[in-house]
Amino acid sequence: RYRNSDDRVYNVLIARLTQWAFYDTKNPQYLLSVGDVFYNSERYDDALKAYEYADKRLPGQAVVREKIALAKAHRKEEKLVRKEDL
């Protein structure tokens, strides 16, 4: 009865983390967390954008590059599945 849907929880997390990222412009961790929320909710385009912003704040970090590569791979796979469904 009082249970929140996963979408609502994700939206609250995205809002808070984005707000913190706005105020802390040096720390990429908030953007990585935003990307992780998007990634876990299968919103790969949004995840990729968040990871790329994190990469701009702290360029060249292996963890960030890996997350970008994973999001790109999933996005490509998703597009192939959509194409097959047509």
N, C-alpha and C. Protein backbone atom coordinates (compact mmCIF):
# COMPACT_ATOMS: atom_id res chain seq x y z
N ARG A 1 0.82 -1.20 0.00
CA ARG A 1 0.00 0.00 0.00
C ARG A 1 0.86 1.26 0.00
N TYR A 2 1.89 1.29 0.82
CA TYR A 2 2.73 2.49 0.90
C TYR A 2 4.04 2.33 0.12
N ARG A 3 4.13 1.27 -0.61
CA ARG A 3 5.36 0.98 -1.35
C ARG A 3 5.50 1.94 -2.54
N ASN A 4 6.69 2.50 -2.70
CA ASN A 4 6.98 3.36 -3.85
C ASN A 4 7.36 2.51 -5.04
N SER A 5 6.96 2.94 -6.21
CA SER A 5 7.36 2.24 -7.42
C SER A 5 8.85 2.47 -7.67
N ASP A 6 9.45 1.56 -8.42
CA ASP A 6 10.87 1.71 -8.74
C ASP A 6 11.12 3.00 -9.51
N ASP A 7 10.21 3.35 -10.42
CA ASP A 7 10.37 4.59 -11.19
C ASP A 7 10.40 5.81 -10.29
N ARG A 8 9.56 5.82 -9.28
CA ARG A 8 9.54 6.97 -8.36
C ARG A 8 10.84 7.05 -7.59
N VAL A 9 11.33 5.93 -7.13
CA VAL A 9 12.61 5.91 -6.39
C VAL A 9 13.73 6.38 -7.30
N TYR A 10 13.78 5.87 -8.53
CA TYR A 10 14.81 6.29 -9.48
C TYR A 10 14.72 7.80 -9.73
N ASN A 11 13.52 8.31 -9.91
CA ASN A 11 13.36 9.74 -10.19
C ASN A 11 13.83 10.60 -9.02
N VAL A 12 13.56 10.17 -7.81
CA VAL A 12 14.03 10.92 -6.63
C VAL A 12 15.55 10.89 -6.57
N LEU A 13 16.14 9.73 -6.81
CA LEU A 13 17.60 9.62 -6.80
C LEU A 13 18.22 10.51 -7.87
N ILE A 14 17.66 10.47 -9.06
CA ILE A 14 18.18 11.29 -10.16
C ILE A 14 18.10 12.77 -9.80
N ALA A 15 16.98 13.19 -9.25
CA ALA A 15 16.81 14.60 -8.89
C ALA A 15 17.83 15.03 -7.84
N ARG A 16 17.98 14.23 -6.80
CA ARG A 16 18.93 14.60 -5.72
C ARG A 16 20.37 14.59 -6.21
N LEU A 17 20.75 13.53 -6.89
CA LEU A 17 22.14 13.42 -7.35
C LEU A 17 22.48 14.52 -8.35
N THR A 18 21.53 14.85 -9.22
CA THR A 18 21.76 15.92 -10.19
C THR A 18 21.91 17.25 -9.47
N GLN A 19 21.10 17.47 -8.46
CA GLN A 19 21.21 18.70 -7.67
C GLN A 19 22.59 18.80 -7.02
N TRP A 20 23.05 17.72 -6.43
CA TRP A 20 24.37 17.73 -5.78
C TRP A 20 25.48 17.94 -6.81
N ALA A 21 25.33 17.32 -7.98
CA ALA A 21 26.33 17.48 -9.04
C ALA A 21 26.39 18.93 -9.51
N PHE A 22 25.25 19.59 -9.52
CA PHE A 22 25.20 21.00 -9.93
C PHE A 22 26.01 21.87 -8.97
N TYR A 23 25.92 21.60 -7.69
CA TYR A 23 26.61 22.42 -6.70
C TYR A 23 28.06 22.02 -6.50
N ASP A 24 28.39 20.77 -6.73
CA ASP A 24 29.77 20.30 -6.58
C ASP A 24 30.31 19.99 -7.98
N THR A 25 30.81 21.02 -8.63
CA THR A 25 31.20 20.90 -10.04
C THR A 25 32.54 20.21 -10.27
N LYS A 26 33.24 19.87 -9.21
CA LYS A 26 34.53 19.21 -9.36
C LYS A 26 34.44 17.69 -9.18
N ASN A 27 33.51 17.25 -8.37
CA ASN A 27 33.40 15.83 -8.02
C ASN A 27 32.57 15.08 -9.07
N PRO A 28 33.16 14.12 -9.77
CA PRO A 28 32.41 13.38 -10.79
C PRO A 28 31.53 12.27 -10.21
N GLN A 29 31.69 11.99 -8.92
CA GLN A 29 30.98 10.85 -8.33
C GLN A 29 29.46 10.98 -8.43
N TYR A 30 28.94 12.18 -8.25
CA TYR A 30 27.50 12.37 -8.35
C TYR A 30 27.00 12.04 -9.76
N LEU A 31 27.76 12.48 -10.76
CA LEU A 31 27.37 12.18 -12.13
C LEU A 31 27.49 10.70 -12.45
N LEU A 32 28.50 10.06 -11.88
CA LEU A 32 28.61 8.60 -12.05
C LEU A 32 27.42 7.90 -11.43
N SER A 33 27.00 8.38 -10.27
CA SER A 33 25.84 7.79 -9.61
C SER A 33 24.56 8.01 -10.41
N VAL A 34 24.42 9.20 -10.98
CA VAL A 34 23.27 9.47 -11.86
C VAL A 34 23.30 8.50 -13.03
N GLY A 35 24.46 8.35 -13.63
CA GLY A 35 24.61 7.41 -14.74
C GLY A 35 24.25 6.00 -14.33
N ASP A 36 24.66 5.60 -13.14
CA ASP A 36 24.34 4.25 -12.66
C ASP A 36 22.84 4.05 -12.48
N VAL A 37 22.16 5.06 -11.99
CA VAL A 37 20.71 4.97 -11.84
C VAL A 37 20.05 4.81 -13.21
N PHE A 38 20.48 5.64 -14.15
CA PHE A 38 19.94 5.51 -15.51
C PHE A 38 20.26 4.14 -16.10
N TYR A 39 21.48 3.71 -15.91
CA TYR A 39 21.92 2.42 -16.46
C TYR A 39 21.08 1.27 -15.89
N ASN A 40 20.89 1.30 -14.59
CA ASN A 40 20.12 0.24 -13.93
C ASN A 40 18.64 0.26 -14.31
N SER A 41 18.16 1.41 -14.76
CA SER A 41 16.77 1.49 -15.21
C SER A 41 16.69 1.35 -16.74
N GLU A 42 17.80 0.91 -17.33
CA GLU A 42 17.90 0.63 -18.77
C GLU A 42 17.67 1.85 -19.65
N ARG A 43 18.06 3.00 -19.15
CA ARG A 43 18.01 4.24 -19.92
C ARG A 43 19.44 4.57 -20.34
N TYR A 44 19.92 3.82 -21.33
CA TYR A 44 21.33 3.83 -21.69
C TYR A 44 21.79 5.15 -22.31
N ASP A 45 20.94 5.82 -23.08
CA ASP A 45 21.32 7.13 -23.64
C ASP A 45 21.57 8.14 -22.53
N ASP A 46 20.69 8.16 -21.55
CA ASP A 46 20.84 9.08 -20.42
C ASP A 46 22.06 8.71 -19.58
N ALA A 47 22.28 7.42 -19.39
CA ALA A 47 23.45 6.96 -18.63
C ALA A 47 24.73 7.42 -19.33
N LEU A 48 24.76 7.25 -20.63
CA LEU A 48 25.94 7.64 -21.40
C LEU A 48 26.22 9.14 -21.24
N LYS A 49 25.19 9.96 -21.31
CA LYS A 49 25.38 11.40 -21.13
C LYS A 49 25.96 11.73 -19.77
N ALA A 50 25.42 11.10 -18.73
CA ALA A 50 25.92 11.36 -17.37
C ALA A 50 27.38 10.91 -17.23
N TYR A 51 27.70 9.74 -17.78
CA TYR A 51 29.08 9.26 -17.72
C TYR A 51 30.03 10.17 -18.49
N GLU A 52 29.57 10.67 -19.64
CA GLU A 52 30.42 11.58 -20.42
C GLU A 52 30.65 12.90 -19.69
N TYR A 53 29.64 13.40 -19.00
CA TYR A 53 29.84 14.60 -18.18
C TYR A 53 30.83 14.32 -17.05
N ALA A 54 30.74 13.15 -16.44
CA ALA A 54 31.68 12.78 -15.39
C ALA A 54 33.10 12.72 -15.95
N ASP A 55 33.23 12.21 -17.16
CA ASP A 55 34.54 12.11 -17.80
C ASP A 55 35.13 13.50 -18.06
N LYS A 56 34.28 14.47 -18.34
CA LYS A 56 34.76 15.84 -18.54
C LYS A 56 35.28 16.43 -17.23
N ARG A 57 34.67 16.03 -16.14
CA ARG A 57 35.10 16.57 -14.83
C ARG A 57 36.39 15.93 -14.35
N LEU A 58 36.58 14.67 -14.69
CA LEU A 58 37.80 13.97 -14.28
C LEU A 58 38.23 13.07 -15.44
N PRO A 59 38.88 13.66 -16.44
CA PRO A 59 39.20 12.93 -17.67
C PRO A 59 40.14 11.75 -17.46
N GLY A 60 39.89 10.72 -18.27
CA GLY A 60 40.82 9.61 -18.36
C GLY A 60 40.74 8.55 -17.28
N GLN A 61 39.78 8.61 -16.40
CA GLN A 61 39.67 7.61 -15.34
C GLN A 61 39.15 6.29 -15.92
N ALA A 62 39.80 5.20 -15.59
CA ALA A 62 39.46 3.89 -16.15
C ALA A 62 38.02 3.49 -15.83
N VAL A 63 37.58 3.75 -14.62
CA VAL A 63 36.22 3.37 -14.22
C VAL A 63 35.19 4.09 -15.09
N VAL A 64 35.42 5.37 -15.31
CA VAL A 64 34.49 6.15 -16.12
C VAL A 64 34.50 5.65 -17.56
N ARG A 65 35.68 5.40 -18.10
CA ARG A 65 35.79 4.90 -19.48
C ARG A 65 35.08 3.55 -19.64
N GLU A 66 35.19 2.69 -18.62
CA GLU A 66 34.50 1.39 -18.66
C GLU A 66 32.99 1.57 -18.67
N LYS A 67 32.50 2.47 -17.84
CA LYS A 67 31.06 2.72 -17.78
C LYS A 67 30.55 3.29 -19.11
N ILE A 68 31.34 4.15 -19.72
CA ILE A 68 30.97 4.70 -21.03
C ILE A 68 30.90 3.58 -22.06
N ALA A 69 31.88 2.71 -22.04
CA ALA A 69 31.91 1.59 -23.00
C ALA A 69 30.72 0.66 -22.80
N LEU A 70 30.37 0.36 -21.56
CA LEU A 70 29.22 -0.50 -21.28
C LEU A 70 27.92 0.14 -21.74
N ALA A 71 27.75 1.41 -21.45
CA ALA A 71 26.52 2.11 -21.86
C ALA A 71 26.41 2.14 -23.39
N LYS A 72 27.53 2.37 -24.07
CA LYS A 72 27.51 2.37 -25.53
C LYS A 72 27.16 0.99 -26.08
N ALA A 73 27.71 -0.04 -25.47
CA ALA A 73 27.44 -1.42 -25.92
C ALA A 73 25.97 -1.76 -25.74
N HIS A 74 25.42 -1.42 -24.60
CA HIS A 74 24.00 -1.70 -24.35
C HIS A 74 23.09 -0.88 -25.27
N ARG A 75 23.49 0.34 -25.51
CA ARG A 75 22.70 1.20 -26.41
C ARG A 75 22.70 0.62 -27.82
N LYS A 76 23.85 0.15 -28.27
CA LYS A 76 23.96 -0.45 -29.60
C LYS A 76 23.11 -1.72 -29.68
N GLU A 77 23.20 -2.54 -28.64
CA GLU A 77 22.41 -3.78 -28.59
C GLU A 77 20.91 -3.47 -28.60
N GLU A 78 20.52 -2.46 -27.86
CA GLU A 78 19.12 -2.06 -27.80
C GLU A 78 18.62 -1.60 -29.18
N LYS A 79 19.44 -0.86 -29.90
CA LYS A 79 19.06 -0.41 -31.23
C LYS A 79 18.92 -1.59 -32.20
N LEU A 80 19.79 -2.58 -32.07
CA LEU A 80 19.69 -3.77 -32.92
C LEU A 80 18.41 -4.54 -32.65
N VAL A 81 18.05 -4.65 -31.39
CA VAL A 81 16.81 -5.36 -31.02
C VAL A 81 15.61 -4.61 -31.57
N ARG A 82 15.62 -3.30 -31.46
CA ARG A 82 14.51 -2.51 -32.00
C ARG A 82 14.39 -2.70 -33.52
N LYS A 83 15.54 -2.74 -34.19
CA LYS A 83 15.56 -2.89 -35.64
C LYS A 83 14.98 -4.25 -36.02
N GLU A 84 15.32 -5.30 -35.26
CA GLU A 84 14.81 -6.64 -35.53
C GLU A 84 13.30 -6.72 -35.31
N ASP A 85 12.79 -5.92 -34.37
CA ASP A 85 11.36 -5.94 -34.07
C ASP A 85 10.53 -5.30 -35.17
N LEU A 86 11.17 -4.50 -36.01
CA LEU A 86 10.43 -3.84 -37.09
C LEU A 86 10.15 -4.82 -38.16
